[in-house]
Amino acid sequence: MASSKGYLNFILDQLSGLDDISCHAMMGEYIVYYRGRIVGGIYDDRFLVKPTKSAVAMMPDADKELPYEGAKEMLLVDNVENREFLQELLNAMYDELPAPKKKKRMK
């Protein structure tokens, strides 16, 4: 089941207080970026984030779910209605997320 544009827009609106939030559509789902780093995504109308130490600390009882078959487990954010919490979560996670890989240029 693909994620709906409505759910994507709801999550993006909840995160609108943060600078540089973006998303990239991929096979009916959406990868969510914060300041160029992947924080998680929207899969089957669920907001899942990478299980960084700070994310686990802020959501110790969060369900671990697979975004799709064969993927690594991610944390289900069930408190998506709380805009402040979502923004604090992404800010806390940011320094633990890997920097984007540089694309190699073809000569």
PDB file of N, CA and C in Angstrom:
ATOM      1  N   MET A   1       0.847  -1.187   0.000  1.00  0.00           N
ATOM      2  CA  MET A   1       0.000   0.000   0.000  1.00  0.00           C
ATOM      3  C   MET A   1       0.886   1.242   0.000  1.00  0.00           C
ATOM      4  N   ALA A   2       0.661   2.125  -0.900  1.00  0.00           N
ATOM      5  CA  ALA A   2       1.429   3.364  -0.974  1.00  0.00           C
ATOM      6  C   ALA A   2       0.890   4.376   0.034  1.00  0.00           C
ATOM      7  N   SER A   3       1.742   5.286   0.421  1.00  0.00           N
ATOM      8  CA  SER A   3       1.335   6.342   1.347  1.00  0.00           C
ATOM      9  C   SER A   3       0.537   7.410   0.607  1.00  0.00           C
ATOM     10  N   SER A   4      -0.369   8.044   1.327  1.00  0.00           N
ATOM     11  CA  SER A   4      -1.203   9.076   0.709  1.00  0.00           C
ATOM     12  C   SER A   4      -0.511  10.433   0.762  1.00  0.00           C
ATOM     13  N   LYS A   5      -0.819  11.273  -0.222  1.00  0.00           N
ATOM     14  CA  LYS A   5      -0.308  12.650  -0.240  1.00  0.00           C
ATOM     15  C   LYS A   5      -0.824  13.410   0.978  1.00  0.00           C
ATOM     16  N   GLY A   6      -2.035  13.085   1.413  1.00  0.00           N
ATOM     17  CA  GLY A   6      -2.609  13.754   2.573  1.00  0.00           C
ATOM     18  C   GLY A   6      -1.784  13.522   3.827  1.00  0.00           C
ATOM     19  N   TYR A   7      -1.364  12.271   4.060  1.00  0.00           N
ATOM     20  CA  TYR A   7      -0.549  11.973   5.236  1.00  0.00           C
ATOM     21  C   TYR A   7       0.821  12.636   5.115  1.00  0.00           C
ATOM     22  N   LEU A   8       1.413  12.585   3.919  1.00  0.00           N
ATOM     23  CA  LEU A   8       2.690  13.262   3.689  1.00  0.00           C
ATOM     24  C   LEU A   8       2.567  14.743   4.018  1.00  0.00           C
ATOM     25  N   ASN A   9       1.545  15.393   3.500  1.00  0.00           N
ATOM     26  CA  ASN A   9       1.367  16.824   3.746  1.00  0.00           C
ATOM     27  C   ASN A   9       1.138  17.124   5.219  1.00  0.00           C
ATOM     28  N   PHE A  10       0.432  16.236   5.935  1.00  0.00           N
ATOM     29  CA  PHE A  10       0.227  16.409   7.373  1.00  0.00           C
ATOM     30  C   PHE A  10       1.569  16.388   8.108  1.00  0.00           C
ATOM     31  N   ILE A  11       2.412  15.398   7.806  1.00  0.00           N
ATOM     32  CA  ILE A  11       3.720  15.295   8.475  1.00  0.00           C
ATOM     33  C   ILE A  11       4.593  16.497   8.121  1.00  0.00           C
ATOM     34  N   LEU A  12       4.610  16.869   6.854  1.00  0.00           N
ATOM     35  CA  LEU A  12       5.417  18.037   6.462  1.00  0.00           C
ATOM     36  C   LEU A  12       4.927  19.304   7.147  1.00  0.00           C
ATOM     37  N   ASP A  13       3.626  19.433   7.319  1.00  0.00           N
ATOM     38  CA  ASP A  13       3.084  20.583   8.038  1.00  0.00           C
ATOM     39  C   ASP A  13       3.511  20.558   9.507  1.00  0.00           C
ATOM     40  N   GLN A  14       3.498  19.385  10.116  1.00  0.00           N
ATOM     41  CA  GLN A  14       3.914  19.252  11.512  1.00  0.00           C
ATOM     42  C   GLN A  14       5.386  19.634  11.679  1.00  0.00           C
ATOM     43  N   LEU A  15       6.180  19.421  10.639  1.00  0.00           N
ATOM     44  CA  LEU A  15       7.616  19.712  10.693  1.00  0.00           C
ATOM     45  C   LEU A  15       7.962  21.077  10.122  1.00  0.00           C
ATOM     46  N   SER A  16       6.967  21.856   9.771  1.00  0.00           N
ATOM     47  CA  SER A  16       7.198  23.123   9.067  1.00  0.00           C
ATOM     48  C   SER A  16       7.952  24.163   9.895  1.00  0.00           C
ATOM     49  N   GLY A  17       8.042  23.989  11.195  1.00  0.00           N
ATOM     50  CA  GLY A  17       8.808  24.922  12.027  1.00  0.00           C
ATOM     51  C   GLY A  17      10.310  24.721  11.922  1.00  0.00           C
ATOM     52  N   LEU A  18      10.734  23.646  11.280  1.00  0.00           N
ATOM     53  CA  LEU A  18      12.160  23.354  11.109  1.00  0.00           C
ATOM     54  C   LEU A  18      12.627  23.877   9.757  1.00  0.00           C
ATOM     55  N   ASP A  19      13.869  24.318   9.703  1.00  0.00           N
ATOM     56  CA  ASP A  19      14.454  24.748   8.436  1.00  0.00           C
ATOM     57  C   ASP A  19      14.878  23.528   7.625  1.00  0.00           C
ATOM     58  N   ASP A  20      14.707  23.614   6.335  1.00  0.00           N
ATOM     59  CA  ASP A  20      15.246  22.642   5.386  1.00  0.00           C
ATOM     60  C   ASP A  20      14.710  21.223   5.575  1.00  0.00           C
ATOM     61  N   ILE A  21      13.403  21.087   5.624  1.00  0.00           N
ATOM     62  CA  ILE A  21      12.758  19.774   5.584  1.00  0.00           C
ATOM     63  C   ILE A  21      12.389  19.516   4.133  1.00  0.00           C
ATOM     64  N   SER A  22      12.697  18.330   3.651  1.00  0.00           N
ATOM     65  CA  SER A  22      12.323  17.983   2.291  1.00  0.00           C
ATOM     66  C   SER A  22      11.985  16.502   2.230  1.00  0.00           C
ATOM     67  N   CYS A  23      11.428  16.099   1.103  1.00  0.00           N
ATOM     68  CA  CYS A  23      11.116  14.689   0.923  1.00  0.00           C
ATOM     69  C   CYS A  23      11.362  14.300  -0.517  1.00  0.00           C
ATOM     70  N   HIS A  24      11.518  13.018  -0.714  1.00  0.00           N
ATOM     71  CA  HIS A  24      11.762  12.477  -2.044  1.00  0.00           C
ATOM     72  C   HIS A  24      10.857  11.264  -2.217  1.00  0.00           C
ATOM     73  N   ALA A  25      10.038  11.280  -3.254  1.00  0.00           N
ATOM     74  CA  ALA A  25       9.146  10.154  -3.517  1.00  0.00           C
ATOM     75  C   ALA A  25       9.957   8.978  -4.052  1.00  0.00           C
ATOM     76  N   MET A  26       9.616   7.785  -3.527  1.00  0.00           N
ATOM     77  CA  MET A  26      10.297   6.590  -3.995  1.00  0.00           C
ATOM     78  C   MET A  26       9.344   5.405  -3.920  1.00  0.00           C
ATOM     79  N   MET A  27       8.892   4.941  -5.065  1.00  0.00           N
ATOM     80  CA  MET A  27       8.022   3.770  -5.174  1.00  0.00           C
ATOM     81  C   MET A  27       6.772   3.890  -4.304  1.00  0.00           C
ATOM     82  N   GLY A  28       6.119   5.025  -4.333  1.00  0.00           N
ATOM     83  CA  GLY A  28       4.874   5.211  -3.599  1.00  0.00           C
ATOM     84  C   GLY A  28       5.049   5.593  -2.144  1.00  0.00           C
ATOM     85  N   GLU A  29       6.289   5.683  -1.702  1.00  0.00           N
ATOM     86  CA  GLU A  29       6.587   6.075  -0.327  1.00  0.00           C
ATOM     87  C   GLU A  29       7.445   7.335  -0.380  1.00  0.00           C
ATOM     88  N   TYR A  30       7.835   7.860   0.785  1.00  0.00           N
ATOM     89  CA  TYR A  30       8.562   9.126   0.822  1.00  0.00           C
ATOM     90  C   TYR A  30       9.712   9.064   1.812  1.00  0.00           C
ATOM     91  N   ILE A  31      10.901   9.435   1.358  1.00  0.00           N
ATOM     92  CA  ILE A  31      12.065   9.568   2.233  1.00  0.00           C
ATOM     93  C   ILE A  31      12.031  11.005   2.763  1.00  0.00           C
ATOM     94  N   VAL A  32      12.224  11.171   4.084  1.00  0.00           N
ATOM     95  CA  VAL A  32      12.191  12.495   4.698  1.00  0.00           C
ATOM     96  C   VAL A  32      13.611  12.911   5.079  1.00  0.00           C
ATOM     97  N   TYR A  33      13.970  14.125   4.661  1.00  0.00           N
ATOM     98  CA  TYR A  33      15.298  14.680   4.915  1.00  0.00           C
ATOM     99  C   TYR A  33      15.181  15.891   5.835  1.00  0.00           C
ATOM    100  N   TYR A  34      16.158  16.022   6.719  1.00  0.00           N
ATOM    101  CA  TYR A  34      16.282  17.210   7.556  1.00  0.00           C
ATOM    102  C   TYR A  34      17.683  17.749   7.352  1.00  0.00           C
ATOM    103  N   ARG A  35      17.771  18.955   6.805  1.00  0.00           N
ATOM    104  CA  ARG A  35      19.047  19.605   6.510  1.00  0.00           C
ATOM    105  C   ARG A  35      19.974  18.670   5.720  1.00  0.00           C
ATOM    106  N   GLY A  36      19.388  17.988   4.746  1.00  0.00           N
ATOM    107  CA  GLY A  36      20.155  17.140   3.842  1.00  0.00           C
ATOM    108  C   GLY A  36      20.416  15.726   4.321  1.00  0.00           C
ATOM    109  N   ARG A  37      20.028  15.406   5.544  1.00  0.00           N
ATOM    110  CA  ARG A  37      20.274  14.070   6.086  1.00  0.00           C
ATOM    111  C   ARG A  37      18.959  13.293   6.181  1.00  0.00           C
ATOM    112  N   ILE A  38      19.018  12.014   5.877  1.00  0.00           N
ATOM    113  CA  ILE A  38      17.815  11.178   5.946  1.00  0.00           C
ATOM    114  C   ILE A  38      17.492  10.892   7.403  1.00  0.00           C
ATOM    115  N   VAL A  39      16.279  11.295   7.828  1.00  0.00           N
ATOM    116  CA  VAL A  39      15.834  11.012   9.195  1.00  0.00           C
ATOM    117  C   VAL A  39      14.917   9.799   9.236  1.00  0.00           C
ATOM    118  N   GLY A  40      14.269   9.522   8.137  1.00  0.00           N
ATOM    119  CA  GLY A  40      13.338   8.408   8.086  1.00  0.00           C
ATOM    120  C   GLY A  40      12.470   8.531   6.855  1.00  0.00           C
ATOM    121  N   GLY A  41      11.221   8.140   7.013  1.00  0.00           N
ATOM    122  CA  GLY A  41      10.341   8.217   5.866  1.00  0.00           C
ATOM    123  C   GLY A  41       8.903   7.931   6.228  1.00  0.00           C
ATOM    124  N   ILE A  42       8.083   8.042   5.210  1.00  0.00           N
ATOM    125  CA  ILE A  42       6.660   7.746   5.350  1.00  0.00           C
ATOM    126  C   ILE A  42       6.400   6.492   4.528  1.00  0.00           C
ATOM    127  N   TYR A  43       5.983   5.451   5.225  1.00  0.00           N
ATOM    128  CA  TYR A  43       5.758   4.147   4.632  1.00  0.00           C
ATOM    129  C   TYR A  43       4.380   3.659   5.059  1.00  0.00           C
ATOM    130  N   ASP A  44       3.524   3.388   4.086  1.00  0.00           N
ATOM    131  CA  ASP A  44       2.163   2.909   4.387  1.00  0.00           C
ATOM    132  C   ASP A  44       1.470   3.825   5.400  1.00  0.00           C
ATOM    133  N   ASP A  45       1.583   5.123   5.193  1.00  0.00           N
ATOM    134  CA  ASP A  45       0.985   6.127   6.074  1.00  0.00           C
ATOM    135  C   ASP A  45       1.435   5.973   7.529  1.00  0.00           C
ATOM    136  N   ARG A  46       2.703   5.638   7.704  1.00  0.00           N
ATOM    137  CA  ARG A  46       3.346   5.604   9.026  1.00  0.00           C
ATOM    138  C   ARG A  46       4.609   6.434   8.926  1.00  0.00           C
ATOM    139  N   PHE A  47       4.885   7.246   9.957  1.00  0.00           N
ATOM    140  CA  PHE A  47       6.125   8.012  10.002  1.00  0.00           C
ATOM    141  C   PHE A  47       7.135   7.195  10.794  1.00  0.00           C
ATOM    142  N   LEU A  48       8.161   6.699  10.107  1.00  0.00           N
ATOM    143  CA  LEU A  48       9.195   5.889  10.726  1.00  0.00           C
ATOM    144  C   LEU A  48      10.507   6.665  10.692  1.00  0.00           C
ATOM    145  N   VAL A  49      11.272   6.599  11.788  1.00  0.00           N
ATOM    146  CA  VAL A  49      12.565   7.281  11.851  1.00  0.00           C
ATOM    147  C   VAL A  49      13.666   6.277  12.165  1.00  0.00           C
ATOM    148  N   LYS A  50      14.891   6.682  11.825  1.00  0.00           N
ATOM    149  CA  LYS A  50      16.044   5.835  12.114  1.00  0.00           C
ATOM    150  C   LYS A  50      16.189   5.680  13.630  1.00  0.00           C
ATOM    151  N   PRO A  51      16.600   4.506  14.072  1.00  0.00           N
ATOM    152  CA  PRO A  51      16.715   4.265  15.522  1.00  0.00           C
ATOM    153  C   PRO A  51      18.020   4.786  16.112  1.00  0.00           C
ATOM    154  N   THR A  52      18.207   6.095  16.069  1.00  0.00           N
ATOM    155  CA  THR A  52      19.401   6.692  16.671  1.00  0.00           C
ATOM    156  C   THR A  52      19.268   6.626  18.199  1.00  0.00           C
ATOM    157  N   LYS A  53      20.379   6.836  18.900  1.00  0.00           N
ATOM    158  CA  LYS A  53      20.338   6.806  20.369  1.00  0.00           C
ATOM    159  C   LYS A  53      19.346   7.819  20.920  1.00  0.00           C
ATOM    160  N   SER A  54      19.349   9.015  20.347  1.00  0.00           N
ATOM    161  CA  SER A  54      18.451  10.055  20.861  1.00  0.00           C
ATOM    162  C   SER A  54      16.988   9.718  20.554  1.00  0.00           C
ATOM    163  N   ALA A  55      16.710   9.137  19.395  1.00  0.00           N
ATOM    164  CA  ALA A  55      15.330   8.755  19.061  1.00  0.00           C
ATOM    165  C   ALA A  55      14.839   7.671  20.011  1.00  0.00           C
ATOM    166  N   VAL A  56      15.694   6.697  20.308  1.00  0.00           N
ATOM    167  CA  VAL A  56      15.318   5.625  21.246  1.00  0.00           C
ATOM    168  C   VAL A  56      15.104   6.211  22.638  1.00  0.00           C
ATOM    169  N   ALA A  57      15.962   7.156  23.044  1.00  0.00           N
ATOM    170  CA  ALA A  57      15.822   7.784  24.359  1.00  0.00           C
ATOM    171  C   ALA A  57      14.521   8.579  24.463  1.00  0.00           C
ATOM    172  N   MET A  58      14.126   9.243  23.377  1.00  0.00           N
ATOM    173  CA  MET A  58      12.903  10.055  23.401  1.00  0.00           C
ATOM    174  C   MET A  58      11.639   9.213  23.236  1.00  0.00           C
ATOM    175  N   MET A  59      11.785   8.025  22.650  1.00  0.00           N
ATOM    176  CA  MET A  59      10.634   7.137  22.432  1.00  0.00           C
ATOM    177  C   MET A  59      10.995   5.718  22.864  1.00  0.00           C
ATOM    178  N   PRO A  60      11.235   5.521  24.173  1.00  0.00           N
ATOM    179  CA  PRO A  60      11.715   4.211  24.628  1.00  0.00           C
ATOM    180  C   PRO A  60      10.728   3.068  24.386  1.00  0.00           C
ATOM    181  N   ASP A  61       9.461   3.365  24.265  1.00  0.00           N
ATOM    182  CA  ASP A  61       8.457   2.317  24.063  1.00  0.00           C
ATOM    183  C   ASP A  61       7.970   2.226  22.623  1.00  0.00           C
ATOM    184  N   ALA A  62       8.661   2.891  21.722  1.00  0.00           N
ATOM    185  CA  ALA A  62       8.233   2.906  20.315  1.00  0.00           C
ATOM    186  C   ALA A  62       8.324   1.510  19.707  1.00  0.00           C
ATOM    187  N   ASP A  63       7.354   1.190  18.875  1.00  0.00           N
ATOM    188  CA  ASP A  63       7.379  -0.068  18.136  1.00  0.00           C
ATOM    189  C   ASP A  63       8.462   0.002  17.071  1.00  0.00           C
ATOM    190  N   LYS A  64       9.153  -1.123  16.888  1.00  0.00           N
ATOM    191  CA  LYS A  64      10.133  -1.225  15.805  1.00  0.00           C
ATOM    192  C   LYS A  64       9.429  -1.906  14.643  1.00  0.00           C
ATOM    193  N   GLU A  65       9.479  -1.244  13.488  1.00  0.00           N
ATOM    194  CA  GLU A  65       8.766  -1.764  12.332  1.00  0.00           C
ATOM    195  C   GLU A  65       9.654  -1.715  11.101  1.00  0.00           C
ATOM    196  N   LEU A  66       9.339  -2.571  10.142  1.00  0.00           N
ATOM    197  CA  LEU A  66      10.046  -2.582   8.874  1.00  0.00           C
ATOM    198  C   LEU A  66       9.327  -1.661   7.898  1.00  0.00           C
ATOM    199  N   PRO A  67      10.048  -0.748   7.272  1.00  0.00           N
ATOM    200  CA  PRO A  67       9.397   0.118   6.285  1.00  0.00           C
ATOM    201  C   PRO A  67       8.950  -0.680   5.063  1.00  0.00           C
ATOM    202  N   TYR A  68       9.728  -1.701   4.706  1.00  0.00           N
ATOM    203  CA  TYR A  68       9.406  -2.590   3.596  1.00  0.00           C
ATOM    204  C   TYR A  68      10.221  -3.859   3.794  1.00  0.00           C
ATOM    205  N   GLU A  69       9.849  -4.903   3.107  1.00  0.00           N
ATOM    206  CA  GLU A  69      10.516  -6.193   3.259  1.00  0.00           C
ATOM    207  C   GLU A  69      11.995  -6.084   2.905  1.00  0.00           C
ATOM    208  N   GLY A  70      12.837  -6.613   3.782  1.00  0.00           N
ATOM    209  CA  GLY A  70      14.278  -6.601   3.551  1.00  0.00           C
ATOM    210  C   GLY A  70      14.994  -5.375   4.100  1.00  0.00           C
ATOM    211  N   ALA A  71      14.250  -4.428   4.653  1.00  0.00           N
ATOM    212  CA  ALA A  71      14.851  -3.203   5.196  1.00  0.00           C
ATOM    213  C   ALA A  71      15.230  -3.395   6.663  1.00  0.00           C
ATOM    214  N   LYS A  72      16.011  -2.466   7.176  1.00  0.00           N
ATOM    215  CA  LYS A  72      16.333  -2.456   8.607  1.00  0.00           C
ATOM    216  C   LYS A  72      15.154  -1.894   9.378  1.00  0.00           C
ATOM    217  N   GLU A  73      15.040  -2.335  10.629  1.00  0.00           N
ATOM    218  CA  GLU A  73      13.957  -1.833  11.485  1.00  0.00           C
ATOM    219  C   GLU A  73      14.109  -0.349  11.745  1.00  0.00           C
ATOM    220  N   MET A  74      12.963   0.309  11.840  1.00  0.00           N
ATOM    221  CA  MET A  74      12.920   1.731  12.166  1.00  0.00           C
ATOM    222  C   MET A  74      11.927   1.907  13.312  1.00  0.00           C
ATOM    223  N   LEU A  75      11.930   3.087  13.905  1.00  0.00           N
ATOM    224  CA  LEU A  75      11.019   3.375  15.013  1.00  0.00           C
ATOM    225  C   LEU A  75       9.745   4.037  14.498  1.00  0.00           C
ATOM    226  N   LEU A  76       8.608   3.534  14.943  1.00  0.00           N
ATOM    227  CA  LEU A  76       7.323   4.122  14.592  1.00  0.00           C
ATOM    228  C   LEU A  76       7.070   5.321  15.487  1.00  0.00           C
ATOM    229  N   VAL A  77       6.835   6.473  14.887  1.00  0.00           N
ATOM    230  CA  VAL A  77       6.503   7.676  15.642  1.00  0.00           C
ATOM    231  C   VAL A  77       4.987   7.704  15.756  1.00  0.00           C
ATOM    232  N   ASP A  78       4.493   7.477  16.969  1.00  0.00           N
ATOM    233  CA  ASP A  78       3.036   7.451  17.131  1.00  0.00           C
ATOM    234  C   ASP A  78       2.493   8.762  17.691  1.00  0.00           C
ATOM    235  N   ASN A  79       3.377   9.689  18.001  1.00  0.00           N
ATOM    236  CA  ASN A  79       2.968  10.970  18.572  1.00  0.00           C
ATOM    237  C   ASN A  79       3.045  12.061  17.501  1.00  0.00           C
ATOM    238  N   VAL A  80       2.545  11.753  16.299  1.00  0.00           N
ATOM    239  CA  VAL A  80       2.691  12.687  15.177  1.00  0.00           C
ATOM    240  C   VAL A  80       1.831  13.939  15.317  1.00  0.00           C
ATOM    241  N   GLU A  81       0.843  13.904  16.206  1.00  0.00           N
ATOM    242  CA  GLU A  81      -0.003  15.086  16.408  1.00  0.00           C
ATOM    243  C   GLU A  81       0.712  16.175  17.196  1.00  0.00           C
ATOM    244  N   ASN A  82       1.785  15.816  17.903  1.00  0.00           N
ATOM    245  CA  ASN A  82       2.519  16.757  18.744  1.00  0.00           C
ATOM    246  C   ASN A  82       3.661  17.392  17.939  1.00  0.00           C
ATOM    247  N   ARG A  83       3.383  18.552  17.380  1.00  0.00           N
ATOM    248  CA  ARG A  83       4.337  19.267  16.523  1.00  0.00           C
ATOM    249  C   ARG A  83       5.649  19.542  17.244  1.00  0.00           C
ATOM    250  N   GLU A  84       5.576  20.010  18.507  1.00  0.00           N
ATOM    251  CA  GLU A  84       6.791  20.316  19.269  1.00  0.00           C
ATOM    252  C   GLU A  84       7.656  19.083  19.449  1.00  0.00           C
ATOM    253  N   PHE A  85       7.022  17.959  19.793  1.00  0.00           N
ATOM    254  CA  PHE A  85       7.765  16.722  19.984  1.00  0.00           C
ATOM    255  C   PHE A  85       8.480  16.303  18.698  1.00  0.00           C
ATOM    256  N   LEU A  86       7.792  16.361  17.571  1.00  0.00           N
ATOM    257  CA  LEU A  86       8.400  15.961  16.294  1.00  0.00           C
ATOM    258  C   LEU A  86       9.615  16.818  15.971  1.00  0.00           C
ATOM    259  N   GLN A  87       9.492  18.108  16.198  1.00  0.00           N
ATOM    260  CA  GLN A  87      10.599  18.999  15.906  1.00  0.00           C
ATOM    261  C   GLN A  87      11.772  18.755  16.854  1.00  0.00           C
ATOM    262  N   GLU A  88      11.484  18.516  18.126  1.00  0.00           N
ATOM    263  CA  GLU A  88      12.546  18.192  19.093  1.00  0.00           C
ATOM    264  C   GLU A  88      13.222  16.877  18.714  1.00  0.00           C
ATOM    265  N   LEU A  89      12.428  15.911  18.266  1.00  0.00           N
ATOM    266  CA  LEU A  89      12.961  14.606  17.886  1.00  0.00           C
ATOM    267  C   LEU A  89      13.964  14.742  16.746  1.00  0.00           C
ATOM    268  N   LEU A  90      13.588  15.443  15.695  1.00  0.00           N
ATOM    269  CA  LEU A  90      14.489  15.590  14.551  1.00  0.00           C
ATOM    270  C   LEU A  90      15.728  16.394  14.911  1.00  0.00           C
ATOM    271  N   ASN A  91      15.572  17.425  15.729  1.00  0.00           N
ATOM    272  CA  ASN A  91      16.743  18.197  16.182  1.00  0.00           C
ATOM    273  C   ASN A  91      17.691  17.318  16.986  1.00  0.00           C
ATOM    274  N   ALA A  92      17.138  16.484  17.867  1.00  0.00           N
ATOM    275  CA  ALA A  92      17.975  15.603  18.692  1.00  0.00           C
ATOM    276  C   ALA A  92      18.697  14.567  17.831  1.00  0.00           C
ATOM    277  N   MET A  93      18.035  14.081  16.797  1.00  0.00           N
ATOM    278  CA  MET A  93      18.609  13.045  15.942  1.00  0.00           C
ATOM    279  C   MET A  93      19.687  13.561  15.000  1.00  0.00           C
ATOM    280  N   TYR A  94      19.621  14.816  14.632  1.00  0.00           N
ATOM    281  CA  TYR A  94      20.415  15.345  13.521  1.00  0.00           C
ATOM    282  C   TYR A  94      21.908  15.005  13.599  1.00  0.00           C
ATOM    283  N   ASP A  95      22.555  15.267  14.730  1.00  0.00           N
ATOM    284  CA  ASP A  95      24.000  15.059  14.831  1.00  0.00           C
ATOM    285  C   ASP A  95      24.396  13.585  14.744  1.00  0.00           C
ATOM    286  N   GLU A  96      23.446  12.694  14.987  1.00  0.00           N
ATOM    287  CA  GLU A  96      23.743  11.257  14.930  1.00  0.00           C
ATOM    288  C   GLU A  96      23.537  10.673  13.538  1.00  0.00           C
ATOM    289  N   LEU A  97      22.968  11.441  12.648  1.00  0.00           N
ATOM    290  CA  LEU A  97      22.681  10.943  11.305  1.00  0.00           C
ATOM    291  C   LEU A  97      23.902  11.100  10.403  1.00  0.00           C
ATOM    292  N   PRO A  98      24.139  10.122   9.535  1.00  0.00           N
ATOM    293  CA  PRO A  98      25.289  10.249   8.635  1.00  0.00           C
ATOM    294  C   PRO A  98      25.093  11.378   7.630  1.00  0.00           C
ATOM    295  N   ALA A  99      26.187  12.033   7.308  1.00  0.00           N
ATOM    296  CA  ALA A  99      26.145  13.084   6.288  1.00  0.00           C
ATOM    297  C   ALA A  99      25.863  12.436   4.941  1.00  0.00           C
ATOM    298  N   PRO A 100      25.237  13.184   4.046  1.00  0.00           N
ATOM    299  CA  PRO A 100      24.963  12.605   2.727  1.00  0.00           C
ATOM    300  C   PRO A 100      26.254  12.259   2.003  1.00  0.00           C
ATOM    301  N   LYS A 101      26.204  11.185   1.221  1.00  0.00           N
ATOM    302  CA  LYS A 101      27.378  10.769   0.463  1.00  0.00           C
ATOM    303  C   LYS A 101      27.556  11.692  -0.733  1.00  0.00           C
ATOM    304  N   LYS A 102      28.794  12.013  -1.007  1.00  0.00           N
ATOM    305  CA  LYS A 102      29.107  12.844  -2.170  1.00  0.00           C
ATOM    306  C   LYS A 102      28.929  11.993  -3.429  1.00  0.00           C
ATOM    307  N   LYS A 103      28.290  12.591  -4.414  1.00  0.00           N
ATOM    308  CA  LYS A 103      28.107  11.889  -5.684  1.00  0.00           C
ATOM    309  C   LYS A 103      29.386  12.032  -6.499  1.00  0.00           C
ATOM    310  N   LYS A 104      29.806  10.908  -7.076  1.00  0.00           N
ATOM    311  CA  LYS A 104      31.007  10.944  -7.904  1.00  0.00           C
ATOM    312  C   LYS A 104      30.641  11.528  -9.264  1.00  0.00           C
ATOM    313  N   ARG A 105      31.520  12.373  -9.746  1.00  0.00           N
ATOM    314  CA  ARG A 105      31.314  12.970 -11.069  1.00  0.00           C
ATOM    315  C   ARG A 105      31.932  12.081 -12.129  1.00  0.00           C
ATOM    316  N   MET A 106      31.236  11.964 -13.200  1.00  0.00           N
ATOM    317  CA  MET A 106      31.767  11.212 -14.351  1.00  0.00           C
ATOM    318  C   MET A 106      32.679  12.153 -15.150  1.00  0.00           C
ATOM    319  N   LYS A 107      33.778  11.634 -15.609  1.00  0.00           N
ATOM    320  CA  LYS A 107      34.715  12.455 -16.384  1.00  0.00           C
ATOM    321  C   LYS A 107      34.360  12.407 -17.850  1.00  0.00           C
TER     322      LYS A 107
END
